[in-house]
C-alpha atoms as a PDB file:
ATOM      1  CA  MET A   1     109.224  74.973 137.572  1.00  0.00           C
ATOM      2  CA  ALA A   2     111.527  77.490 135.527  1.00  0.00           C
ATOM      3  CA  THR A   3     114.001  76.888 138.635  1.00  0.00           C
ATOM      4  CA  ARG A   4     113.904  72.972 137.892  1.00  0.00           C
ATOM      5  CA  ARG A   5     114.612  73.199 134.293  1.00  0.00           C
ATOM      6  CA  PRO A   6     118.181  73.821 134.228  1.00  0.00           C
ATOM      7  CA  LEU A   7     118.689  71.631 137.842  1.00  0.00           C
ATOM      8  CA  ALA A   8     117.246  68.824 136.199  1.00  0.00           C
ATOM      9  CA  GLY A   9     118.567  69.084 132.867  1.00  0.00           C
ATOM     10  CA  PHE A  10     122.832  69.362 134.970  1.00  0.00           C
ATOM     11  CA  LEU A  11     120.824  66.017 136.653  1.00  0.00           C
ATOM     12  CA  SER A  12     120.730  64.396 133.314  1.00  0.00           C
ATOM     13  CA  VAL A  13     123.897  65.678 131.955  1.00  0.00           C
ATOM     14  CA  LEU A  14     125.823  64.463 135.270  1.00  0.00           C
ATOM     15  CA  THR A  15     124.506  61.049 135.370  1.00  0.00           C
ATOM     16  CA  ASN A  16     124.540  59.890 131.234  1.00  0.00           C
ATOM     17  CA  ALA A  17     127.135  61.994 129.827  1.00  0.00           C
ATOM     18  CA  GLU A  18     129.446  62.913 132.737  1.00  0.00           C
ATOM     19  CA  ASN A  19     128.984  59.680 134.213  1.00  0.00           C
ATOM     20  CA  ASP A  20     129.561  58.061 130.302  1.00  0.00           C
ATOM     21  CA  PHE A  21     132.784  59.292 130.399  1.00  0.00           C
ATOM     22  CA  PHE A  22     133.214  57.727 134.197  1.00  0.00           C
ATOM     23  CA  LEU A  23     132.903  54.846 132.950  1.00  0.00           C
ATOM     24  CA  LYS A  24     134.629  54.875 130.200  1.00  0.00           C
ATOM     25  CA  SER A  25     137.624  56.625 131.333  1.00  0.00           C
ATOM     26  CA  PHE A  26     137.462  53.540 133.528  1.00  0.00           C
ATOM     27  CA  GLU A  27     137.490  51.414 130.885  1.00  0.00           C
ATOM     28  CA  ARG A  28     140.412  53.088 129.117  1.00  0.00           C
ATOM     29  CA  LEU A  29     142.632  52.841 132.133  1.00  0.00           C
ATOM     30  CA  GLY A  30     141.559  49.290 132.641  1.00  0.00           C
ATOM     31  CA  VAL A  31     140.304  50.209 136.436  1.00  0.00           C
ATOM     32  CA  PRO A  32     138.235  46.869 136.988  1.00  0.00           C
ATOM     33  CA  GLU A  33     134.491  47.286 137.851  1.00  0.00           C
ATOM     34  CA  ALA A  34     134.580  46.069 141.560  1.00  0.00           C
ATOM     35  CA  THR A  35     137.538  48.418 141.976  1.00  0.00           C
ATOM     36  CA  TRP A  36     135.715  51.606 141.152  1.00  0.00           C
ATOM     37  CA  ARG A  37     133.079  50.433 142.951  1.00  0.00           C
ATOM     38  CA  ASN A  38     134.170  48.768 146.173  1.00  0.00           C
ATOM     39  CA  THR A  39     136.983  52.172 146.662  1.00  0.00           C
ATOM     40  CA  PRO A  40     135.696  54.199 149.396  1.00  0.00           C
ATOM     41  CA  PRO A  41     135.648  57.474 148.746  1.00  0.00           C
ATOM     42  CA  SER A  42     138.921  59.441 149.928  1.00  0.00           C
ATOM     43  CA  PRO A  43     138.473  61.826 152.630  1.00  0.00           C
ATOM     44  CA  VAL A  44     138.277  64.851 150.431  1.00  0.00           C
ATOM     45  CA  THR A  45     135.535  63.453 148.629  1.00  0.00           C
ATOM     46  CA  GLN A  46     133.719  62.287 151.267  1.00  0.00           C
ATOM     47  CA  ALA A  47     133.906  65.658 152.669  1.00  0.00           C
ATOM     48  CA  ILE A  48     132.333  67.461 149.426  1.00  0.00           C
ATOM     49  CA  SER A  49     129.544  64.436 149.087  1.00  0.00           C
ATOM     50  CA  ASP A  50     128.427  65.371 151.976  1.00  0.00           C
ATOM     51  CA  ALA A  51     128.786  69.578 151.670  1.00  0.00           C
ATOM     52  CA  ILE A  52     126.827  68.504 148.338  1.00  0.00           C
ATOM     53  CA  VAL A  53     123.821  66.372 149.877  1.00  0.00           C
ATOM     54  CA  GLY A  54     124.111  68.926 152.535  1.00  0.00           C
ATOM     55  CA  GLY A  55     124.446  66.472 155.576  1.00  0.00           C
ATOM     56  CA  ALA A  56     127.529  67.367 157.221  1.00  0.00           C
ATOM     57  CA  SER A  57     126.496  69.898 159.379  1.00  0.00           C
ATOM     58  CA  GLY A  58     129.952  71.857 159.412  1.00  0.00           C
ATOM     59  CA  TYR A  59     128.629  72.675 155.959  1.00  0.00           C
ATOM     60  CA  ALA A  60     125.639  73.079 154.447  1.00  0.00           C
ATOM     61  CA  GLY A  61     123.814  72.232 157.369  1.00  0.00           C
ATOM     62  CA  SER A  62     120.339  73.476 157.438  1.00  0.00           C
ATOM     63  CA  GLY A  63     119.970  71.777 153.966  1.00  0.00           C
ATOM     64  CA  GLN A  64     118.103  74.304 152.448  1.00  0.00           C
ATOM     65  CA  TYR A  65     117.839  75.968 148.819  1.00  0.00           C
ATOM     66  CA  PRO A  66     120.457  78.445 149.269  1.00  0.00           C
ATOM     67  CA  GLU A  67     122.932  77.060 150.836  1.00  0.00           C
ATOM     68  CA  ALA A  68     122.382  74.043 148.412  1.00  0.00           C
ATOM     69  CA  MET A  69     122.859  76.295 145.516  1.00  0.00           C
ATOM     70  CA  THR A  70     126.088  77.060 147.380  1.00  0.00           C
ATOM     71  CA  VAL A  71     127.795  74.357 147.338  1.00  0.00           C
ATOM     72  CA  LEU A  72     126.157  73.448 143.717  1.00  0.00           C
ATOM     73  CA  LEU A  73     127.409  77.506 142.477  1.00  0.00           C
ATOM     74  CA  CYS A  74     131.287  76.688 143.907  1.00  0.00           C
ATOM     75  CA  SER A  75     131.322  72.918 142.647  1.00  0.00           C
ATOM     76  CA  GLU A  76     130.505  74.061 139.053  1.00  0.00           C
ATOM     77  CA  TRP A  77     132.505  77.245 138.715  1.00  0.00           C
ATOM     78  CA  VAL A  78     135.950  76.029 139.880  1.00  0.00           C
ATOM     79  CA  TYR A  79     134.851  72.979 136.807  1.00  0.00           C
ATOM     80  CA  GLN A  80     134.532  75.791 134.173  1.00  0.00           C
ATOM     81  CA  ALA A  81     136.971  77.782 135.723  1.00  0.00           C
ATOM     82  CA  TRP A  82     139.570  74.756 134.967  1.00  0.00           C
ATOM     83  CA  ALA A  83     138.129  74.165 132.116  1.00  0.00           C
ATOM     84  CA  ASP A  84     137.626  77.730 129.948  1.00  0.00           C
ATOM     85  CA  PRO A  85     141.467  78.137 129.984  1.00  0.00           C
ATOM     86  CA  VAL A  86     142.247  75.167 128.433  1.00  0.00           C
ATOM     87  CA  ALA A  87     138.978  74.874 126.121  1.00  0.00           C
ATOM     88  CA  ASP A  88     141.157  74.402 122.565  1.00  0.00           C
ATOM     89  CA  ALA A  89     143.723  72.669 124.161  1.00  0.00           C
ATOM     90  CA  GLN A  90     144.342  68.927 122.703  1.00  0.00           C
ATOM     91  CA  PRO A  91     145.939  66.617 124.722  1.00  0.00           C
ATOM     92  CA  PRO A  92     147.096  63.186 124.185  1.00  0.00           C
ATOM     93  CA  GLN A  93     144.874  61.603 126.520  1.00  0.00           C
ATOM     94  CA  PRO A  94     141.032  61.278 125.193  1.00  0.00           C
ATOM     95  CA  GLN A  95     140.193  61.004 129.254  1.00  0.00           C
ATOM     96  CA  TYR A  96     141.324  64.577 129.569  1.00  0.00           C
ATOM     97  CA  ARG A  97     139.642  65.795 125.841  1.00  0.00           C
ATOM     98  CA  GLU A  98     136.498  64.277 127.353  1.00  0.00           C
ATOM     99  CA  TRP A  99     136.294  65.919 130.608  1.00  0.00           C
ATOM    100  CA  ILE A 100     137.441  69.983 129.051  1.00  0.00           C
ATOM    101  CA  GLU A 101     134.785  69.213 126.459  1.00  0.00           C
ATOM    102  CA  LEU A 102     131.611  68.271 129.157  1.00  0.00           C
ATOM    103  CA  HIS A 103     132.981  71.544 131.053  1.00  0.00           C
ATOM    104  CA  ALA A 104     134.093  73.795 128.476  1.00  0.00           C
ATOM    105  CA  THR A 105     130.444  73.978 126.272  1.00  0.00           C
ATOM    106  CA  ALA A 106     128.026  76.650 126.366  1.00  0.00           C
ATOM    107  CA  GLU A 107     126.101  75.386 127.790  1.00  0.00           C
ATOM    108  CA  PHE A 108     127.432  74.414 130.755  1.00  0.00           C
ATOM    109  CA  VAL A 109     129.000  78.258 130.401  1.00  0.00           C
ATOM    110  CA  GLY A 110     125.402  79.613 130.457  1.00  0.00           C
ATOM    111  CA  PHE A 111     124.727  76.786 133.090  1.00  0.00           C
ATOM    112  CA  VAL A 112     126.970  77.998 135.911  1.00  0.00           C
ATOM    113  CA  GLU A 113     125.763  81.833 134.812  1.00  0.00           C
ATOM    114  CA  TRP A 114     122.225  80.154 135.570  1.00  0.00           C
ATOM    115  CA  LEU A 115     123.696  79.219 138.831  1.00  0.00           C
ATOM    116  CA  ARG A 116     125.380  82.584 139.481  1.00  0.00           C
ATOM    117  CA  GLU A 117     121.963  84.146 139.535  1.00  0.00           C
ATOM    118  CA  GLU A 118     119.715  82.145 141.069  1.00  0.00           C
ATOM    119  CA  THR A 119     122.108  81.430 144.299  1.00  0.00           C
ATOM    120  CA  ASP A 120     122.511  85.171 144.193  1.00  0.00           C
ATOM    121  CA  ARG A 121     118.215  85.355 143.601  1.00  0.00           C
ATOM    122  CA  ALA A 122     118.232  82.662 146.352  1.00  0.00           C
ATOM    123  CA  CYS A 123     120.198  84.331 148.828  1.00  0.00           C
ATOM    124  CA  GLU A 124     118.354  87.907 148.711  1.00  0.00           C
ATOM    125  CA  GLY A 125     116.920  89.137 151.892  1.00  0.00           C
ATOM    126  CA  LEU A 126     119.016  86.791 153.757  1.00  0.00           C
ATOM    127  CA  ASP A 127     120.160  88.421 156.955  1.00  0.00           C
ATOM    128  CA  GLU A 128     123.820  88.799 157.410  1.00  0.00           C
ATOM    129  CA  GLU A 129     124.725  86.030 159.715  1.00  0.00           C
ATOM    130  CA  ARG A 130     123.463  83.403 157.263  1.00  0.00           C
ATOM    131  CA  GLN A 131     124.799  85.470 154.566  1.00  0.00           C
ATOM    132  CA  ALA A 132     128.215  85.393 156.034  1.00  0.00           C
ATOM    133  CA  GLY A 133     127.536  81.606 156.635  1.00  0.00           C
ATOM    134  CA  LEU A 134     127.146  81.113 152.454  1.00  0.00           C
ATOM    135  CA  VAL A 135     130.300  82.901 152.045  1.00  0.00           C
ATOM    136  CA  GLU A 136     131.677  80.610 154.676  1.00  0.00           C
ATOM    137  CA  LEU A 137     129.958  77.380 153.297  1.00  0.00           C
ATOM    138  CA  PHE A 138     131.580  79.095 149.932  1.00  0.00           C
ATOM    139  CA  ARG A 139     134.887  79.083 150.755  1.00  0.00           C
ATOM    140  CA  LYS A 140     134.770  75.865 152.564  1.00  0.00           C
ATOM    141  CA  VAL A 141     133.684  74.493 149.505  1.00  0.00           C
ATOM    142  CA  THR A 142     136.650  75.948 146.904  1.00  0.00           C
ATOM    143  CA  GLU A 143     138.927  74.353 149.526  1.00  0.00           C
ATOM    144  CA  LEU A 144     137.494  70.810 149.610  1.00  0.00           C
ATOM    145  CA  GLU A 145     137.764  71.309 145.690  1.00  0.00           C
ATOM    146  CA  THR A 146     140.952  72.577 145.595  1.00  0.00           C
ATOM    147  CA  ALA A 147     142.467  69.463 147.961  1.00  0.00           C
ATOM    148  CA  PHE A 148     140.412  67.363 145.544  1.00  0.00           C
ATOM    149  CA  PHE A 149     142.440  68.335 142.752  1.00  0.00           C
ATOM    150  CA  GLU A 150     145.435  68.194 144.385  1.00  0.00           C
ATOM    151  CA  ASP A 151     144.959  64.587 145.124  1.00  0.00           C
ATOM    152  CA  ALA A 152     144.495  63.490 141.495  1.00  0.00           C
ATOM    153  CA  PHE A 153     147.622  65.319 140.788  1.00  0.00           C
ATOM    154  CA  ARG A 154     149.586  63.237 143.483  1.00  0.00           C
ATOM    155  CA  VAL A 155     148.336  59.635 142.302  1.00  0.00           C
ATOM    156  CA  CYS A 156     148.929  61.126 139.031  1.00  0.00           C
ATOM    157  CA  GLU A 157     152.587  61.872 139.926  1.00  0.00           C
END
């Protein structure tokens, strides 16, 4: 149960506050529901999704706990690393400020710290080959997250 509580809390934020953020942002930006419901994910978004759910053999492959935690840690740590330096920024666009607020909270920072600790715990005692695979998985997800941000910046140009 101890490891499930932080993950359940994360899912709650993901399916409530973060989901609400996206819905409000779509509305503010005038994106019709039919558009956001029916637009297929970009290749990079699909690759991240596949890695998160463990469905792509080249990423999370075995779908076991250390792989799942590695993907989740990488994805969330990227958001924390992005939000920390701009935590006090006051961008004029409300959606930017709200995105920062979701990821620059003490709770989120604490969750990412827990993810680091839990991922380390989950990977203790794994053989060198599996650990090397997890390092490669972390690198690949980092590349995907970078590509995700680069895609978003290109759309905004």
